[in-house]
C-alpha atoms as a PDB file:
ATOM      1  CA  UNK A   1       8.675   4.574  -8.455  1.00  0.00           C
ATOM      2  CA  UNK A   2       6.347   3.407  -5.701  1.00  0.00           C
ATOM      3  CA  UNK A   3       3.103   5.254  -5.131  1.00  0.00           C
ATOM      4  CA  UNK A   4       1.415   5.830  -1.802  1.00  0.00           C
ATOM      5  CA  UNK A   5      -1.033   3.054  -2.528  1.00  0.00           C
ATOM      6  CA  UNK A   6       1.802   0.707  -3.414  1.00  0.00           C
ATOM      7  CA  UNK A   7       3.504   1.604  -0.168  1.00  0.00           C
ATOM      8  CA  UNK A   8       0.322   0.797   1.753  1.00  0.00           C
ATOM      9  CA  UNK A   9      -0.799  -1.970  -0.551  1.00  0.00           C
ATOM     10  CA  UNK A  10       0.505  -4.884   1.429  1.00  0.00           C
ATOM     11  CA  UNK A  11      -1.383  -3.567   4.412  1.00  0.00           C
ATOM     12  CA  UNK A  12      -0.420  -5.618   7.391  1.00  0.00           C
ATOM     13  CA  UNK A  13       2.759  -6.751   5.710  1.00  0.00           C
ATOM     14  CA  UNK A  14       4.141  -3.311   5.108  1.00  0.00           C
ATOM     15  CA  UNK A  15       3.091  -2.170   8.554  1.00  0.00           C
ATOM     16  CA  UNK A  16       4.921  -5.087  10.166  1.00  0.00           C
ATOM     17  CA  UNK A  17       8.000  -4.919   7.957  1.00  0.00           C
ATOM     18  CA  UNK A  18       8.189  -1.200   7.194  1.00  0.00           C
ATOM     19  CA  UNK A  19      11.902  -0.938   7.806  1.00  0.00           C
ATOM     20  CA  UNK A  20      12.608  -3.686   5.269  1.00  0.00           C
ATOM     21  CA  UNK A  21      10.396  -2.561   2.414  1.00  0.00           C
ATOM     22  CA  UNK A  22      11.803  -0.555  -0.454  1.00  0.00           C
ATOM     23  CA  UNK A  23       9.330   2.315  -0.343  1.00  0.00           C
ATOM     24  CA  UNK A  24       9.463   5.503  -2.338  1.00  0.00           C
ATOM     25  CA  UNK A  25      10.571   8.648  -0.627  1.00  0.00           C
ATOM     26  CA  UNK A  26       7.868  10.939   0.673  1.00  0.00           C
ATOM     27  CA  UNK A  27       8.873  13.483  -1.983  1.00  0.00           C
ATOM     28  CA  UNK A  28       8.450  10.888  -4.758  1.00  0.00           C
ATOM     29  CA  UNK A  29       5.039   9.914  -3.427  1.00  0.00           C
ATOM     30  CA  UNK A  30       3.867  13.506  -3.307  1.00  0.00           C
ATOM     31  CA  UNK A  31       5.285  14.274  -6.773  1.00  0.00           C
ATOM     32  CA  UNK A  32       3.335  11.407  -8.288  1.00  0.00           C
ATOM     33  CA  UNK A  33       0.125  11.453  -6.264  1.00  0.00           C
ATOM     34  CA  UNK A  34      -0.546  14.965  -4.983  1.00  0.00           C
ATOM     35  CA  UNK A  35      -2.173  15.847  -8.285  1.00  0.00           C
ATOM     36  CA  UNK A  36      -3.766  19.073  -7.069  1.00  0.00           C
ATOM     37  CA  UNK A  37      -0.512  20.276  -5.467  1.00  0.00           C
ATOM     38  CA  UNK A  38      -2.119  21.152  -2.129  1.00  0.00           C
ATOM     39  CA  UNK A  39       0.546  19.392  -0.041  1.00  0.00           C
ATOM     40  CA  UNK A  40      -1.779  16.611   1.125  1.00  0.00           C
ATOM     41  CA  UNK A  41      -2.893  13.280  -0.280  1.00  0.00           C
ATOM     42  CA  UNK A  42      -6.673  13.072  -0.372  1.00  0.00           C
ATOM     43  CA  UNK A  43      -9.006  10.103  -0.482  1.00  0.00           C
ATOM     44  CA  UNK A  44      -9.752  10.958  -4.126  1.00  0.00           C
ATOM     45  CA  UNK A  45      -6.046  10.965  -5.002  1.00  0.00           C
ATOM     46  CA  UNK A  46      -5.549   7.600  -3.285  1.00  0.00           C
ATOM     47  CA  UNK A  47      -8.579   6.197  -5.103  1.00  0.00           C
ATOM     48  CA  UNK A  48      -7.168   7.423  -8.414  1.00  0.00           C
ATOM     49  CA  UNK A  49      -3.744   5.836  -7.831  1.00  0.00           C
ATOM     50  CA  UNK A  50      -4.907   2.446  -6.518  1.00  0.00           C
ATOM     51  CA  UNK A  51      -6.162   0.864  -9.787  1.00  0.00           C
ATOM     52  CA  UNK A  52      -2.725   1.114 -11.392  1.00  0.00           C
ATOM     53  CA  UNK A  53      -1.184  -0.732  -8.463  1.00  0.00           C
ATOM     54  CA  UNK A  54      -3.957  -3.311  -8.544  1.00  0.00           C
ATOM     55  CA  UNK A  55      -3.260  -4.008 -12.231  1.00  0.00           C
ATOM     56  CA  UNK A  56       0.453  -4.375 -11.459  1.00  0.00           C
ATOM     57  CA  UNK A  57      -0.313  -6.918  -8.764  1.00  0.00           C
ATOM     58  CA  UNK A  58      -2.855  -8.792 -10.907  1.00  0.00           C
ATOM     59  CA  UNK A  59      -0.135 -10.642 -12.781  1.00  0.00           C
ATOM     60  CA  UNK A  60      -2.482 -12.955 -14.682  1.00  0.00           C
ATOM     61  CA  UNK A  61      -4.868 -10.133 -15.621  1.00  0.00           C
ATOM     62  CA  UNK A  62      -8.011 -11.917 -14.445  1.00  0.00           C
ATOM     63  CA  UNK A  63      -9.310  -8.931 -12.468  1.00  0.00           C
ATOM     64  CA  UNK A  64      -8.852 -10.456  -9.020  1.00  0.00           C
ATOM     65  CA  UNK A  65      -5.943 -10.850  -6.634  1.00  0.00           C
ATOM     66  CA  UNK A  66      -5.238 -14.174  -5.032  1.00  0.00           C
ATOM     67  CA  UNK A  67      -2.779 -14.995  -2.297  1.00  0.00           C
ATOM     68  CA  UNK A  68      -0.042 -16.107  -4.721  1.00  0.00           C
ATOM     69  CA  UNK A  69      -0.151 -12.748  -6.535  1.00  0.00           C
ATOM     70  CA  UNK A  70       0.054 -10.872  -3.245  1.00  0.00           C
ATOM     71  CA  UNK A  71       3.034 -13.011  -2.228  1.00  0.00           C
ATOM     72  CA  UNK A  72       4.813 -12.429  -5.545  1.00  0.00           C
ATOM     73  CA  UNK A  73       4.208  -8.678  -5.365  1.00  0.00           C
ATOM     74  CA  UNK A  74       5.372  -8.547  -1.743  1.00  0.00           C
ATOM     75  CA  UNK A  75       8.596 -10.361  -2.530  1.00  0.00           C
ATOM     76  CA  UNK A  76       9.227  -8.184  -5.589  1.00  0.00           C
ATOM     77  CA  UNK A  77       8.653  -4.925  -3.693  1.00  0.00           C
ATOM     78  CA  UNK A  78      10.745  -5.842  -0.660  1.00  0.00           C
ATOM     79  CA  UNK A  79      14.185  -4.409  -0.145  1.00  0.00           C
ATOM     80  CA  UNK A  80      16.923  -6.514  -1.762  1.00  0.00           C
ATOM     81  CA  UNK A  81      18.298  -7.567   1.620  1.00  0.00           C
ATOM     82  CA  UNK A  82      14.872  -8.750   2.783  1.00  0.00           C
ATOM     83  CA  UNK A  83      14.590 -12.528   2.564  1.00  0.00           C
ATOM     84  CA  UNK A  84      11.154 -13.952   3.285  1.00  0.00           C
ATOM     85  CA  UNK A  85      11.008 -17.452   4.740  1.00  0.00           C
ATOM     86  CA  UNK A  86       8.361 -19.225   2.654  1.00  0.00           C
ATOM     87  CA  UNK A  87       6.020 -19.867   5.580  1.00  0.00           C
ATOM     88  CA  UNK A  88       6.201 -16.226   6.718  1.00  0.00           C
ATOM     89  CA  UNK A  89       5.542 -14.884   3.231  1.00  0.00           C
ATOM     90  CA  UNK A  90       2.608 -17.279   2.825  1.00  0.00           C
ATOM     91  CA  UNK A  91       1.135 -16.318   6.195  1.00  0.00           C
ATOM     92  CA  UNK A  92       1.520 -12.576   5.704  1.00  0.00           C
ATOM     93  CA  UNK A  93       0.113 -12.788   2.177  1.00  0.00           C
ATOM     94  CA  UNK A  94      -2.898 -14.756   3.407  1.00  0.00           C
ATOM     95  CA  UNK A  95      -3.579 -12.251   6.202  1.00  0.00           C
ATOM     96  CA  UNK A  96      -3.213  -9.374   3.735  1.00  0.00           C
ATOM     97  CA  UNK A  97      -5.729 -11.022   1.406  1.00  0.00           C
ATOM     98  CA  UNK A  98      -8.126 -11.476   4.315  1.00  0.00           C
ATOM     99  CA  UNK A  99      -7.731  -7.816   5.271  1.00  0.00           C
ATOM    100  CA  UNK A 100      -8.470  -6.609   1.726  1.00  0.00           C
ATOM    101  CA  UNK A 101     -11.190  -9.150   0.919  1.00  0.00           C
ATOM    102  CA  UNK A 102     -14.307  -7.174   1.862  1.00  0.00           C
ATOM    103  CA  UNK A 103     -16.810  -9.912   1.017  1.00  0.00           C
ATOM    104  CA  UNK A 104     -14.608 -12.786   2.281  1.00  0.00           C
ATOM    105  CA  UNK A 105     -14.756 -14.840  -0.918  1.00  0.00           C
ATOM    106  CA  UNK A 106     -11.027 -15.635  -0.986  1.00  0.00           C
ATOM    107  CA  UNK A 107     -10.072 -13.116  -3.665  1.00  0.00           C
ATOM    108  CA  UNK A 108      -9.720  -9.363  -3.928  1.00  0.00           C
ATOM    109  CA  UNK A 109     -11.417  -7.311  -6.632  1.00  0.00           C
ATOM    110  CA  UNK A 110     -10.175  -3.929  -7.771  1.00  0.00           C
ATOM    111  CA  UNK A 111     -13.011  -2.258  -5.871  1.00  0.00           C
ATOM    112  CA  UNK A 112     -12.056  -4.061  -2.661  1.00  0.00           C
ATOM    113  CA  UNK A 113      -8.409  -3.161  -3.209  1.00  0.00           C
ATOM    114  CA  UNK A 114      -9.186   0.522  -3.722  1.00  0.00           C
ATOM    115  CA  UNK A 115     -11.195   0.603  -0.488  1.00  0.00           C
ATOM    116  CA  UNK A 116      -8.438  -1.177   1.446  1.00  0.00           C
ATOM    117  CA  UNK A 117      -5.814   1.189   0.003  1.00  0.00           C
ATOM    118  CA  UNK A 118      -7.773   4.218   1.170  1.00  0.00           C
ATOM    119  CA  UNK A 119      -8.325   2.639   4.585  1.00  0.00           C
ATOM    120  CA  UNK A 120      -4.580   2.029   4.916  1.00  0.00           C
ATOM    121  CA  UNK A 121      -3.756   5.566   3.775  1.00  0.00           C
ATOM    122  CA  UNK A 122      -6.096   6.957   6.394  1.00  0.00           C
ATOM    123  CA  UNK A 123      -4.154   5.174   9.140  1.00  0.00           C
ATOM    124  CA  UNK A 124      -1.534   7.888   8.623  1.00  0.00           C
ATOM    125  CA  UNK A 125      -4.172  10.654   8.954  1.00  0.00           C
ATOM    126  CA  UNK A 126      -3.314  11.788  12.475  1.00  0.00           C
ATOM    127  CA  UNK A 127      -5.671  14.785  12.563  1.00  0.00           C
ATOM    128  CA  UNK A 128      -8.687  13.021  11.046  1.00  0.00           C
ATOM    129  CA  UNK A 129      -9.194  15.414   8.118  1.00  0.00           C
ATOM    130  CA  UNK A 130      -9.160  12.528   5.569  1.00  0.00           C
ATOM    131  CA  UNK A 131      -5.951  13.881   4.023  1.00  0.00           C
ATOM    132  CA  UNK A 132      -2.363  12.845   4.649  1.00  0.00           C
ATOM    133  CA  UNK A 133       0.297  15.531   4.762  1.00  0.00           C
ATOM    134  CA  UNK A 134       4.022  14.974   4.296  1.00  0.00           C
ATOM    135  CA  UNK A 135       4.505  15.262   8.044  1.00  0.00           C
ATOM    136  CA  UNK A 136       1.789  12.714   8.807  1.00  0.00           C
ATOM    137  CA  UNK A 137       3.249  10.293   6.285  1.00  0.00           C
ATOM    138  CA  UNK A 138       6.771  10.755   7.656  1.00  0.00           C
ATOM    139  CA  UNK A 139       5.573  10.137  11.211  1.00  0.00           C
ATOM    140  CA  UNK A 140       3.567   7.090  10.124  1.00  0.00           C
ATOM    141  CA  UNK A 141       6.625   5.673   8.403  1.00  0.00           C
ATOM    142  CA  UNK A 142       8.721   6.322  11.525  1.00  0.00           C
ATOM    143  CA  UNK A 143      10.884   8.883   9.763  1.00  0.00           C
ATOM    144  CA  UNK A 144      12.180  12.174  11.113  1.00  0.00           C
ATOM    145  CA  UNK A 145       9.847  14.977  10.104  1.00  0.00           C
ATOM    146  CA  UNK A 146      11.490  17.403   7.719  1.00  0.00           C
ATOM    147  CA  UNK A 147      10.337  21.000   7.396  1.00  0.00           C
END
């Protein structure tokens, strides 16, 4: 099951290719991440979920993400019908790394990833309250809003 941070984790990639990414349903995201049951995903909840995703992406366990790990994760999380031309996957993965890499050293630490995950989550925060409701997430994903 994909978490909210996993959905947002490829940052630019997932934004550009949202219709092709196998993302969890809004209900699944809220079941797994809305830990206080208030109907909104908070910054604290996103921060709590991000390290697990980071560790999943960090395939060699060295505590940093490099472009090849981002590319492998992106390909693995894409919908089965999504085929990435090698040059596109490389370019998108590089841009994603650059977006997440807060100190611009060519790699992403867990701390940098957590910050980037929260920043991406907050893109869906239409009312600026630093929480994302089901409706905000559905609109951000381009889905019909369900009551």
